[in-house]
Amino acid sequence: MYNYQVLPDLTADEYAELKADIQARGVMVPIEFDEQGNTLDGHHRLKICEELGITDYPKVIRAGMTEEEKRTHARKLNMARRHLSREQKQALSAE
């Protein structure tokens, strides 16, 4: 399996907050996979679902993407959602 987790893990507080939200409301943003089942986006959401025993969550399968396209896709999605410093965003853009 390939790893498309392009950003650092959430802090313990961020993870706990996301877990509490998923437990209360379910997964609101689909977890994205490639056609081989590799997680492109939603690593933390998937891990939380596994911890909570949630098996029915929204999914999107992105087929036909190259490795470069998958990494770019993952990076863009995460940059749009995560609270990153300017330096972190510049480092991700440089990749």
N, C-alpha and C. Protein backbone atom coordinates (compact mmCIF):
# COMPACT_ATOMS: atom_id res chain seq x y z
N MET A 1 0.83 -1.20 0.00
CA MET A 1 0.00 0.00 0.00
C MET A 1 0.87 1.24 0.00
N TYR A 2 0.41 2.24 -0.68
CA TYR A 2 1.09 3.52 -0.72
C TYR A 2 0.53 4.42 0.35
N ASN A 3 1.37 5.31 0.85
CA ASN A 3 0.94 6.25 1.88
C ASN A 3 0.78 7.63 1.27
N TYR A 4 -0.42 8.13 1.30
CA TYR A 4 -0.71 9.46 0.77
C TYR A 4 -0.98 10.45 1.89
N GLN A 5 -0.61 10.10 3.11
CA GLN A 5 -0.72 11.02 4.24
C GLN A 5 0.42 12.02 4.09
N VAL A 6 0.11 13.20 3.59
CA VAL A 6 1.15 14.17 3.25
C VAL A 6 1.41 15.20 4.35
N LEU A 7 0.56 15.22 5.36
CA LEU A 7 0.71 16.18 6.44
C LEU A 7 1.01 15.46 7.75
N PRO A 8 1.55 16.18 8.72
CA PRO A 8 1.78 15.57 10.03
C PRO A 8 0.46 15.10 10.65
N ASP A 9 0.55 14.13 11.55
CA ASP A 9 -0.65 13.68 12.26
C ASP A 9 -1.28 14.82 13.03
N LEU A 10 -2.57 14.68 13.29
CA LEU A 10 -3.26 15.64 14.14
C LEU A 10 -2.66 15.58 15.54
N THR A 11 -2.75 16.68 16.26
CA THR A 11 -2.34 16.66 17.66
C THR A 11 -3.34 15.79 18.43
N ALA A 12 -2.99 15.41 19.64
CA ALA A 12 -3.88 14.59 20.46
C ALA A 12 -5.22 15.29 20.68
N ASP A 13 -5.18 16.60 20.90
CA ASP A 13 -6.42 17.37 21.11
C ASP A 13 -7.25 17.42 19.84
N GLU A 14 -6.61 17.67 18.69
CA GLU A 14 -7.34 17.72 17.42
C GLU A 14 -7.98 16.36 17.11
N TYR A 15 -7.22 15.30 17.37
CA TYR A 15 -7.72 13.95 17.11
C TYR A 15 -8.92 13.65 18.01
N ALA A 16 -8.82 13.99 19.29
CA ALA A 16 -9.92 13.75 20.23
C ALA A 16 -11.16 14.55 19.82
N GLU A 17 -10.96 15.76 19.36
CA GLU A 17 -12.08 16.60 18.91
C GLU A 17 -12.75 15.99 17.68
N LEU A 18 -11.95 15.53 16.71
CA LEU A 18 -12.50 14.90 15.52
C LEU A 18 -13.23 13.62 15.89
N LYS A 19 -12.66 12.83 16.78
CA LYS A 19 -13.28 11.58 17.20
C LYS A 19 -14.63 11.83 17.87
N ALA A 20 -14.68 12.83 18.75
CA ALA A 20 -15.94 13.16 19.42
C ALA A 20 -16.99 13.61 18.40
N ASP A 21 -16.57 14.38 17.40
CA ASP A 21 -17.50 14.85 16.38
C ASP A 21 -18.03 13.68 15.55
N ILE A 22 -17.14 12.77 15.15
CA ILE A 22 -17.57 11.61 14.37
C ILE A 22 -18.49 10.73 15.20
N GLN A 23 -18.19 10.58 16.47
CA GLN A 23 -19.04 9.76 17.34
C GLN A 23 -20.44 10.38 17.45
N ALA A 24 -20.50 11.70 17.49
CA ALA A 24 -21.78 12.40 17.65
C ALA A 24 -22.56 12.52 16.33
N ARG A 25 -21.84 12.79 15.22
CA ARG A 25 -22.54 13.11 13.96
C ARG A 25 -22.25 12.16 12.82
N GLY A 26 -21.27 11.28 13.00
CA GLY A 26 -20.86 10.41 11.90
C GLY A 26 -19.83 11.12 11.03
N VAL A 27 -19.40 10.44 10.00
CA VAL A 27 -18.42 11.01 9.07
C VAL A 27 -19.15 11.92 8.10
N MET A 28 -18.76 13.18 8.08
CA MET A 28 -19.45 14.18 7.25
C MET A 28 -18.74 14.40 5.92
N VAL A 29 -17.44 14.15 5.87
CA VAL A 29 -16.65 14.33 4.64
C VAL A 29 -16.22 12.94 4.18
N PRO A 30 -16.56 12.54 2.95
CA PRO A 30 -16.22 11.19 2.49
C PRO A 30 -14.73 10.89 2.58
N ILE A 31 -14.43 9.64 2.89
CA ILE A 31 -13.05 9.16 2.88
C ILE A 31 -12.76 8.73 1.45
N GLU A 32 -11.62 9.18 0.91
CA GLU A 32 -11.29 8.92 -0.49
C GLU A 32 -10.24 7.82 -0.61
N PHE A 33 -10.49 6.90 -1.54
CA PHE A 33 -9.59 5.79 -1.82
C PHE A 33 -9.23 5.77 -3.29
N ASP A 34 -8.10 5.14 -3.63
CA ASP A 34 -7.84 4.86 -5.03
C ASP A 34 -8.44 3.49 -5.36
N GLU A 35 -8.30 3.06 -6.60
CA GLU A 35 -8.94 1.81 -7.00
C GLU A 35 -8.30 0.57 -6.37
N GLN A 36 -7.13 0.72 -5.76
CA GLN A 36 -6.49 -0.40 -5.05
C GLN A 36 -6.85 -0.42 -3.56
N GLY A 37 -7.62 0.56 -3.11
CA GLY A 37 -8.01 0.61 -1.70
C GLY A 37 -7.09 1.43 -0.83
N ASN A 38 -6.11 2.11 -1.41
CA ASN A 38 -5.23 2.99 -0.65
C ASN A 38 -5.99 4.26 -0.28
N THR A 39 -5.82 4.72 0.93
CA THR A 39 -6.50 5.93 1.39
C THR A 39 -5.79 7.16 0.84
N LEU A 40 -6.52 7.94 0.05
CA LEU A 40 -5.98 9.19 -0.49
C LEU A 40 -6.24 10.35 0.47
N ASP A 41 -7.41 10.35 1.09
CA ASP A 41 -7.79 11.43 1.99
C ASP A 41 -8.71 10.86 3.05
N GLY A 42 -8.44 11.19 4.30
CA GLY A 42 -9.29 10.74 5.39
C GLY A 42 -8.65 9.71 6.29
N HIS A 43 -7.32 9.72 6.34
CA HIS A 43 -6.60 8.75 7.18
C HIS A 43 -7.08 8.78 8.63
N HIS A 44 -7.21 9.97 9.18
CA HIS A 44 -7.65 10.09 10.56
C HIS A 44 -9.10 9.66 10.72
N ARG A 45 -9.96 10.05 9.77
CA ARG A 45 -11.36 9.65 9.83
C ARG A 45 -11.50 8.13 9.77
N LEU A 46 -10.71 7.50 8.90
CA LEU A 46 -10.75 6.04 8.77
C LEU A 46 -10.29 5.36 10.06
N LYS A 47 -9.21 5.85 10.64
CA LYS A 47 -8.70 5.27 11.89
C LYS A 47 -9.75 5.39 13.00
N ILE A 48 -10.40 6.54 13.07
CA ILE A 48 -11.43 6.76 14.08
C ILE A 48 -12.61 5.82 13.84
N CYS A 49 -13.02 5.66 12.60
CA CYS A 49 -14.11 4.73 12.29
C CYS A 49 -13.76 3.32 12.76
N GLU A 50 -12.53 2.91 12.51
CA GLU A 50 -12.09 1.58 12.95
C GLU A 50 -12.14 1.49 14.47
N GLU A 51 -11.70 2.53 15.17
CA GLU A 51 -11.72 2.53 16.64
C GLU A 51 -13.14 2.47 17.19
N LEU A 52 -14.06 3.15 16.51
CA LEU A 52 -15.45 3.22 16.98
C LEU A 52 -16.32 2.09 16.42
N GLY A 53 -15.77 1.27 15.55
CA GLY A 53 -16.54 0.19 14.96
C GLY A 53 -17.53 0.64 13.90
N ILE A 54 -17.27 1.81 13.31
CA ILE A 54 -18.14 2.33 12.25
C ILE A 54 -17.69 1.73 10.93
N THR A 55 -18.59 1.04 10.25
CA THR A 55 -18.24 0.44 8.95
C THR A 55 -19.01 1.07 7.79
N ASP A 56 -20.06 1.80 8.10
CA ASP A 56 -20.87 2.44 7.07
C ASP A 56 -20.60 3.94 7.11
N TYR A 57 -19.69 4.39 6.26
CA TYR A 57 -19.32 5.80 6.20
C TYR A 57 -19.22 6.19 4.72
N PRO A 58 -19.34 7.47 4.42
CA PRO A 58 -19.27 7.89 3.01
C PRO A 58 -17.88 7.66 2.43
N LYS A 59 -17.84 7.12 1.20
CA LYS A 59 -16.59 6.81 0.51
C LYS A 59 -16.63 7.34 -0.91
N VAL A 60 -15.46 7.67 -1.41
CA VAL A 60 -15.29 8.04 -2.82
C VAL A 60 -14.10 7.24 -3.34
N ILE A 61 -14.25 6.64 -4.51
CA ILE A 61 -13.15 5.93 -5.17
C ILE A 61 -12.66 6.80 -6.32
N ARG A 62 -11.38 7.15 -6.30
CA ARG A 62 -10.76 7.95 -7.37
C ARG A 62 -9.94 7.00 -8.25
N ALA A 63 -10.45 6.69 -9.40
CA ALA A 63 -9.78 5.75 -10.29
C ALA A 63 -9.04 6.49 -11.40
N GLY A 64 -7.99 5.85 -11.90
CA GLY A 64 -7.29 6.35 -13.08
C GLY A 64 -6.29 7.46 -12.83
N MET A 65 -5.92 7.69 -11.60
CA MET A 65 -4.96 8.75 -11.30
C MET A 65 -3.55 8.17 -11.25
N THR A 66 -2.58 8.94 -11.71
CA THR A 66 -1.18 8.55 -11.58
C THR A 66 -0.74 8.76 -10.14
N GLU A 67 0.43 8.23 -9.78
CA GLU A 67 0.95 8.45 -8.43
C GLU A 67 1.12 9.93 -8.13
N GLU A 68 1.64 10.67 -9.10
CA GLU A 68 1.81 12.11 -8.91
C GLU A 68 0.47 12.80 -8.72
N GLU A 69 -0.53 12.42 -9.50
CA GLU A 69 -1.86 13.02 -9.38
C GLU A 69 -2.47 12.70 -8.01
N LYS A 70 -2.26 11.49 -7.51
CA LYS A 70 -2.79 11.12 -6.20
C LYS A 70 -2.16 11.97 -5.10
N ARG A 71 -0.85 12.14 -5.16
CA ARG A 71 -0.17 12.94 -4.13
C ARG A 71 -0.60 14.41 -4.20
N THR A 72 -0.71 14.94 -5.41
CA THR A 72 -1.16 16.32 -5.59
C THR A 72 -2.58 16.49 -5.07
N HIS A 73 -3.44 15.55 -5.39
CA HIS A 73 -4.83 15.59 -4.93
C HIS A 73 -4.89 15.59 -3.40
N ALA A 74 -4.16 14.67 -2.77
CA ALA A 74 -4.14 14.58 -1.31
C ALA A 74 -3.61 15.88 -0.70
N ARG A 75 -2.55 16.41 -1.26
CA ARG A 75 -1.95 17.65 -0.75
C ARG A 75 -2.94 18.81 -0.84
N LYS A 76 -3.61 18.97 -1.98
CA LYS A 76 -4.54 20.08 -2.16
C LYS A 76 -5.73 19.99 -1.20
N LEU A 77 -6.26 18.79 -1.03
CA LEU A 77 -7.39 18.63 -0.11
C LEU A 77 -6.99 19.00 1.31
N ASN A 78 -5.83 18.52 1.74
CA ASN A 78 -5.38 18.79 3.10
C ASN A 78 -5.03 20.25 3.31
N MET A 79 -4.43 20.88 2.32
CA MET A 79 -4.08 22.30 2.44
C MET A 79 -5.33 23.16 2.58
N ALA A 80 -6.42 22.74 1.95
CA ALA A 80 -7.65 23.51 2.01
C ALA A 80 -8.34 23.39 3.37
N ARG A 81 -8.13 22.27 4.05
CA ARG A 81 -8.84 22.03 5.31
C ARG A 81 -8.03 22.29 6.56
N ARG A 82 -6.77 21.93 6.55
CA ARG A 82 -5.96 22.01 7.77
C ARG A 82 -5.52 23.44 8.05
N HIS A 83 -5.36 23.73 9.31
CA HIS A 83 -4.86 25.04 9.73
C HIS A 83 -3.33 24.95 9.72
N LEU A 84 -2.75 25.48 8.66
CA LEU A 84 -1.31 25.40 8.48
C LEU A 84 -0.70 26.79 8.50
N SER A 85 0.53 26.85 8.96
CA SER A 85 1.26 28.12 8.90
C SER A 85 1.64 28.39 7.45
N ARG A 86 2.01 29.61 7.18
CA ARG A 86 2.44 29.97 5.83
C ARG A 86 3.64 29.13 5.40
N GLU A 87 4.56 28.90 6.34
CA GLU A 87 5.75 28.10 6.03
C GLU A 87 5.38 26.65 5.70
N GLN A 88 4.43 26.08 6.43
CA GLN A 88 3.99 24.71 6.14
C GLN A 88 3.34 24.63 4.76
N LYS A 89 2.51 25.61 4.43
CA LYS A 89 1.87 25.63 3.11
C LYS A 89 2.91 25.77 2.01
N GLN A 90 3.92 26.61 2.21
CA GLN A 90 4.96 26.79 1.21
C GLN A 90 5.76 25.50 1.02
N ALA A 91 6.05 24.80 2.11
CA ALA A 91 6.78 23.55 2.01
C ALA A 91 5.99 22.50 1.24
N LEU A 92 4.69 22.43 1.49
CA LEU A 92 3.84 21.48 0.77
C LEU A 92 3.74 21.85 -0.70
N SER A 93 3.62 23.13 -0.99
CA SER A 93 3.55 23.57 -2.38
C SER A 93 4.82 23.26 -3.14
N ALA A 94 5.96 23.37 -2.46
CA ALA A 94 7.25 23.08 -3.08
C ALA A 94 7.37 21.61 -3.48
N GLU A 95 6.72 20.72 -2.72
CA GLU A 95 6.76 19.30 -3.03
C GLU A 95 6.00 19.03 -4.30
